[in-house]
Amino acid sequence: MSYHGPAGVEGTSVRVHLSGRWEPVDGRFHWGGRIEPEPRVAHLLRSGRRDVEVRIADRVRAARLAEVDPWGGVRITGVGDPPWPPVADSTSAPEPTEG
């Protein structure tokens, strides 16, 4: 389960690369990834701001900024429903019947 594309972080338009997984230890969905270099987001983190909201389409989720990478991107993490919209799973679609 992953998402690569546009998002908003605290009112700033960004591009993100996110993925997630179920964590069997705590039974919750953990997601995270990288925000492409955006000076305003890096400034938020460097000024001490860690807790932010991520918006993708009409979904808003709480997240945490972790660190600025050597290229100026920012690592972001979250727990719970991911901010990207669900994608229909083609493997769960009913098989066509012959008739």
N, C-alpha and C. Protein backbone atom coordinates (compact mmCIF):
# COMPACT_ATOMS: atom_id res chain seq x y z
N MET A 1 0.84 -1.15 0.00
CA MET A 1 0.00 0.00 0.00
C MET A 1 0.90 1.24 0.00
N SER A 2 0.79 2.06 -1.03
CA SER A 2 1.65 3.23 -1.11
C SER A 2 0.98 4.35 -1.90
N TYR A 3 1.59 5.55 -1.80
CA TYR A 3 1.09 6.72 -2.51
C TYR A 3 2.28 7.60 -2.88
N HIS A 4 2.29 8.06 -4.10
CA HIS A 4 3.30 9.00 -4.58
C HIS A 4 2.55 10.10 -5.32
N GLY A 5 2.65 11.34 -4.83
CA GLY A 5 1.95 12.41 -5.52
C GLY A 5 1.81 13.66 -4.67
N PRO A 6 0.89 14.54 -5.08
CA PRO A 6 0.71 15.81 -4.39
C PRO A 6 0.04 15.64 -3.03
N ALA A 7 0.39 16.55 -2.13
CA ALA A 7 -0.21 16.58 -0.79
C ALA A 7 -0.07 17.99 -0.24
N GLY A 8 -0.65 18.21 0.91
CA GLY A 8 -0.50 19.47 1.61
C GLY A 8 -0.02 19.20 3.01
N VAL A 9 0.95 19.97 3.47
CA VAL A 9 1.44 19.87 4.85
C VAL A 9 1.37 21.26 5.45
N GLU A 10 0.46 21.43 6.39
CA GLU A 10 0.28 22.73 7.05
C GLU A 10 0.12 23.87 6.04
N GLY A 11 -0.69 23.64 5.02
CA GLY A 11 -0.99 24.67 4.03
C GLY A 11 0.04 24.85 2.94
N THR A 12 1.08 24.04 2.94
CA THR A 12 2.12 24.11 1.91
C THR A 12 1.94 22.94 0.95
N SER A 13 1.91 23.21 -0.34
CA SER A 13 1.80 22.16 -1.35
C SER A 13 3.15 21.46 -1.49
N VAL A 14 3.10 20.13 -1.44
CA VAL A 14 4.32 19.32 -1.52
C VAL A 14 4.06 18.09 -2.37
N ARG A 15 5.11 17.35 -2.66
CA ARG A 15 5.01 16.02 -3.26
C ARG A 15 5.54 15.03 -2.24
N VAL A 16 4.82 13.93 -2.08
CA VAL A 16 5.21 12.94 -1.07
C VAL A 16 5.39 11.56 -1.69
N HIS A 17 6.14 10.75 -1.00
CA HIS A 17 6.34 9.34 -1.33
C HIS A 17 6.08 8.59 -0.02
N LEU A 18 4.91 7.94 0.07
CA LEU A 18 4.49 7.32 1.31
C LEU A 18 4.16 5.85 1.11
N SER A 19 4.36 5.07 2.14
CA SER A 19 3.93 3.68 2.13
C SER A 19 3.57 3.30 3.57
N GLY A 20 2.92 2.15 3.72
CA GLY A 20 2.51 1.75 5.05
C GLY A 20 2.42 0.25 5.20
N ARG A 21 2.26 -0.17 6.46
CA ARG A 21 2.17 -1.59 6.77
C ARG A 21 1.44 -1.78 8.09
N TRP A 22 0.83 -2.95 8.25
CA TRP A 22 0.24 -3.30 9.53
C TRP A 22 1.36 -3.76 10.45
N GLU A 23 1.38 -3.25 11.66
CA GLU A 23 2.39 -3.64 12.64
C GLU A 23 1.77 -4.67 13.58
N PRO A 24 2.26 -5.91 13.54
CA PRO A 24 1.64 -6.95 14.35
C PRO A 24 1.84 -6.75 15.86
N VAL A 25 2.86 -6.03 16.26
CA VAL A 25 3.12 -5.84 17.69
C VAL A 25 2.01 -5.01 18.35
N ASP A 26 1.63 -3.90 17.70
CA ASP A 26 0.59 -3.06 18.32
C ASP A 26 -0.76 -3.15 17.59
N GLY A 27 -0.81 -3.88 16.46
CA GLY A 27 -2.07 -4.08 15.75
C GLY A 27 -2.58 -2.85 15.03
N ARG A 28 -1.70 -1.89 14.75
CA ARG A 28 -2.12 -0.66 14.08
C ARG A 28 -1.38 -0.51 12.75
N PHE A 29 -1.93 0.33 11.89
CA PHE A 29 -1.32 0.62 10.60
C PHE A 29 -0.32 1.76 10.79
N HIS A 30 0.91 1.54 10.38
CA HIS A 30 1.96 2.57 10.45
C HIS A 30 2.31 2.98 9.02
N TRP A 31 2.36 4.28 8.77
CA TRP A 31 2.70 4.77 7.45
C TRP A 31 3.75 5.87 7.57
N GLY A 32 4.43 6.10 6.50
CA GLY A 32 5.45 7.15 6.51
C GLY A 32 6.17 7.21 5.19
N GLY A 33 7.12 8.09 5.13
CA GLY A 33 7.89 8.24 3.90
C GLY A 33 8.63 9.56 3.88
N ARG A 34 8.64 10.16 2.71
CA ARG A 34 9.46 11.34 2.50
C ARG A 34 8.66 12.42 1.78
N ILE A 35 8.86 13.65 2.24
CA ILE A 35 8.34 14.83 1.55
C ILE A 35 9.50 15.35 0.70
N GLU A 36 9.26 15.55 -0.59
CA GLU A 36 10.31 16.09 -1.44
C GLU A 36 10.75 17.46 -0.92
N PRO A 37 11.99 17.87 -1.22
CA PRO A 37 12.51 19.13 -0.68
C PRO A 37 11.55 20.31 -0.85
N GLU A 38 11.23 20.94 0.26
CA GLU A 38 10.38 22.13 0.31
C GLU A 38 10.87 22.94 1.51
N PRO A 39 11.49 24.08 1.27
CA PRO A 39 12.10 24.86 2.35
C PRO A 39 11.15 25.21 3.50
N ARG A 40 9.87 25.45 3.22
CA ARG A 40 8.94 25.81 4.29
C ARG A 40 8.70 24.65 5.25
N VAL A 41 8.66 23.42 4.72
CA VAL A 41 8.45 22.26 5.59
C VAL A 41 9.73 22.00 6.40
N ALA A 42 10.88 22.10 5.77
CA ALA A 42 12.14 21.92 6.49
C ALA A 42 12.27 22.97 7.60
N HIS A 43 11.82 24.20 7.32
CA HIS A 43 11.87 25.26 8.32
C HIS A 43 10.97 24.93 9.51
N LEU A 44 9.78 24.36 9.25
CA LEU A 44 8.90 23.95 10.35
C LEU A 44 9.64 23.02 11.30
N LEU A 45 10.28 22.01 10.74
CA LEU A 45 10.99 21.03 11.55
C LEU A 45 12.17 21.67 12.29
N ARG A 46 12.95 22.45 11.59
CA ARG A 46 14.12 23.07 12.21
C ARG A 46 13.75 24.07 13.30
N SER A 47 12.55 24.63 13.23
CA SER A 47 12.11 25.56 14.26
C SER A 47 11.44 24.85 15.44
N GLY A 48 11.45 23.52 15.42
CA GLY A 48 10.94 22.75 16.54
C GLY A 48 9.55 22.17 16.36
N ARG A 49 8.93 22.40 15.22
CA ARG A 49 7.59 21.88 14.97
C ARG A 49 7.69 20.43 14.48
N ARG A 50 7.04 19.51 15.13
CA ARG A 50 7.05 18.11 14.71
C ARG A 50 5.65 17.62 14.33
N ASP A 51 4.64 18.00 15.09
CA ASP A 51 3.29 17.53 14.82
C ASP A 51 2.63 18.41 13.76
N VAL A 52 2.18 17.76 12.67
CA VAL A 52 1.58 18.46 11.55
C VAL A 52 0.36 17.69 11.06
N GLU A 53 -0.37 18.29 10.13
CA GLU A 53 -1.45 17.60 9.44
C GLU A 53 -1.09 17.45 7.98
N VAL A 54 -1.39 16.29 7.43
CA VAL A 54 -1.16 16.00 6.02
C VAL A 54 -2.51 15.89 5.34
N ARG A 55 -2.65 16.56 4.19
CA ARG A 55 -3.90 16.51 3.43
C ARG A 55 -3.61 15.94 2.04
N ILE A 56 -4.36 14.90 1.70
CA ILE A 56 -4.34 14.35 0.34
C ILE A 56 -5.79 14.23 -0.07
N ALA A 57 -6.15 14.97 -1.12
CA ALA A 57 -7.54 15.08 -1.55
C ALA A 57 -8.37 15.59 -0.37
N ASP A 58 -9.41 14.86 0.05
CA ASP A 58 -10.24 15.33 1.16
C ASP A 58 -9.90 14.63 2.47
N ARG A 59 -8.79 13.91 2.51
CA ARG A 59 -8.38 13.19 3.72
C ARG A 59 -7.30 13.98 4.47
N VAL A 60 -7.51 14.20 5.75
CA VAL A 60 -6.54 14.91 6.59
C VAL A 60 -6.16 13.98 7.74
N ARG A 61 -4.86 13.81 7.94
CA ARG A 61 -4.38 12.93 9.00
C ARG A 61 -3.25 13.61 9.78
N ALA A 62 -3.19 13.30 11.06
CA ALA A 62 -2.10 13.78 11.91
C ALA A 62 -0.83 13.01 11.55
N ALA A 63 0.29 13.72 11.57
CA ALA A 63 1.58 13.10 11.25
C ALA A 63 2.66 13.76 12.07
N ARG A 64 3.85 13.20 11.96
CA ARG A 64 4.99 13.73 12.71
C ARG A 64 6.18 13.87 11.78
N LEU A 65 6.79 15.05 11.78
CA LEU A 65 8.01 15.27 11.02
C LEU A 65 9.16 14.67 11.80
N ALA A 66 10.05 13.96 11.11
CA ALA A 66 11.12 13.26 11.82
C ALA A 66 12.50 13.90 11.63
N GLU A 67 12.92 14.09 10.40
CA GLU A 67 14.27 14.62 10.16
C GLU A 67 14.37 15.14 8.74
N VAL A 68 15.33 16.04 8.53
CA VAL A 68 15.64 16.53 7.19
C VAL A 68 16.75 15.65 6.64
N ASP A 69 16.55 15.11 5.43
CA ASP A 69 17.59 14.26 4.85
C ASP A 69 18.65 15.12 4.16
N PRO A 70 19.76 14.53 3.74
CA PRO A 70 20.84 15.31 3.12
C PRO A 70 20.44 16.07 1.86
N TRP A 71 19.35 15.72 1.22
CA TRP A 71 18.90 16.37 0.00
C TRP A 71 17.85 17.44 0.25
N GLY A 72 17.48 17.65 1.52
CA GLY A 72 16.50 18.68 1.86
C GLY A 72 15.08 18.18 2.00
N GLY A 73 14.86 16.89 1.77
CA GLY A 73 13.54 16.30 1.97
C GLY A 73 13.31 16.06 3.45
N VAL A 74 12.07 15.85 3.84
CA VAL A 74 11.74 15.65 5.25
C VAL A 74 11.05 14.30 5.41
N ARG A 75 11.52 13.52 6.36
CA ARG A 75 10.89 12.24 6.69
C ARG A 75 9.65 12.52 7.52
N ILE A 76 8.57 11.78 7.22
CA ILE A 76 7.30 11.96 7.92
C ILE A 76 6.74 10.60 8.29
N THR A 77 6.08 10.52 9.45
CA THR A 77 5.51 9.26 9.91
C THR A 77 4.11 9.50 10.46
N GLY A 78 3.31 8.43 10.49
CA GLY A 78 1.97 8.50 11.05
C GLY A 78 1.48 7.12 11.45
N VAL A 79 0.47 7.09 12.28
CA VAL A 79 -0.13 5.84 12.74
C VAL A 79 -1.64 5.96 12.57
N GLY A 80 -2.26 4.91 12.07
CA GLY A 80 -3.71 4.91 11.85
C GLY A 80 -4.01 4.94 10.37
N ASP A 81 -5.23 5.29 10.03
CA ASP A 81 -5.62 5.35 8.62
C ASP A 81 -4.64 6.25 7.86
N PRO A 82 -4.18 5.81 6.70
CA PRO A 82 -3.26 6.64 5.93
C PRO A 82 -3.97 7.83 5.30
N PRO A 83 -3.21 8.86 4.94
CA PRO A 83 -3.84 10.05 4.35
C PRO A 83 -4.23 9.89 2.89
N TRP A 84 -3.73 8.85 2.23
CA TRP A 84 -4.08 8.67 0.82
C TRP A 84 -5.37 7.87 0.71
N PRO A 85 -6.15 8.13 -0.33
CA PRO A 85 -7.42 7.41 -0.51
C PRO A 85 -7.18 5.93 -0.79
N PRO A 86 -8.08 5.09 -0.33
CA PRO A 86 -7.94 3.66 -0.60
C PRO A 86 -8.06 3.36 -2.09
N VAL A 87 -7.35 2.34 -2.52
CA VAL A 87 -7.40 1.91 -3.91
C VAL A 87 -8.10 0.57 -3.95
N ALA A 88 -9.00 0.40 -4.88
CA ALA A 88 -9.71 -0.88 -5.00
C ALA A 88 -8.71 -1.98 -5.31
N ASP A 89 -8.84 -3.08 -4.61
CA ASP A 89 -7.94 -4.22 -4.79
C ASP A 89 -8.49 -5.10 -5.90
N SER A 90 -7.77 -5.17 -7.01
CA SER A 90 -8.27 -5.94 -8.16
C SER A 90 -8.31 -7.44 -7.88
N THR A 91 -7.56 -7.91 -6.88
CA THR A 91 -7.58 -9.34 -6.58
C THR A 91 -8.83 -9.75 -5.84
N SER A 92 -9.57 -8.77 -5.28
CA SER A 92 -10.77 -9.11 -4.55
C SER A 92 -12.04 -8.98 -5.38
N ALA A 93 -11.87 -8.59 -6.64
CA ALA A 93 -13.05 -8.44 -7.51
C ALA A 93 -13.59 -9.83 -7.83
N PRO A 94 -14.91 -9.94 -7.96
CA PRO A 94 -15.48 -11.24 -8.31
C PRO A 94 -15.04 -11.66 -9.71
N GLU A 95 -14.83 -12.94 -9.85
CA GLU A 95 -14.42 -13.45 -11.16
C GLU A 95 -15.63 -13.50 -12.08
N PRO A 96 -15.40 -13.25 -13.36
CA PRO A 96 -16.51 -13.30 -14.31
C PRO A 96 -17.04 -14.73 -14.41
N THR A 97 -18.32 -14.84 -14.64
CA THR A 97 -18.92 -16.17 -14.79
C THR A 97 -19.09 -16.46 -16.27
N GLU A 98 -18.97 -17.71 -16.58
CA GLU A 98 -19.18 -18.11 -17.98
C GLU A 98 -20.63 -18.46 -18.15
N GLY A 99 -21.17 -18.14 -19.27
CA GLY A 99 -22.58 -18.41 -19.40
C GLY A 99 -23.04 -18.78 -20.70
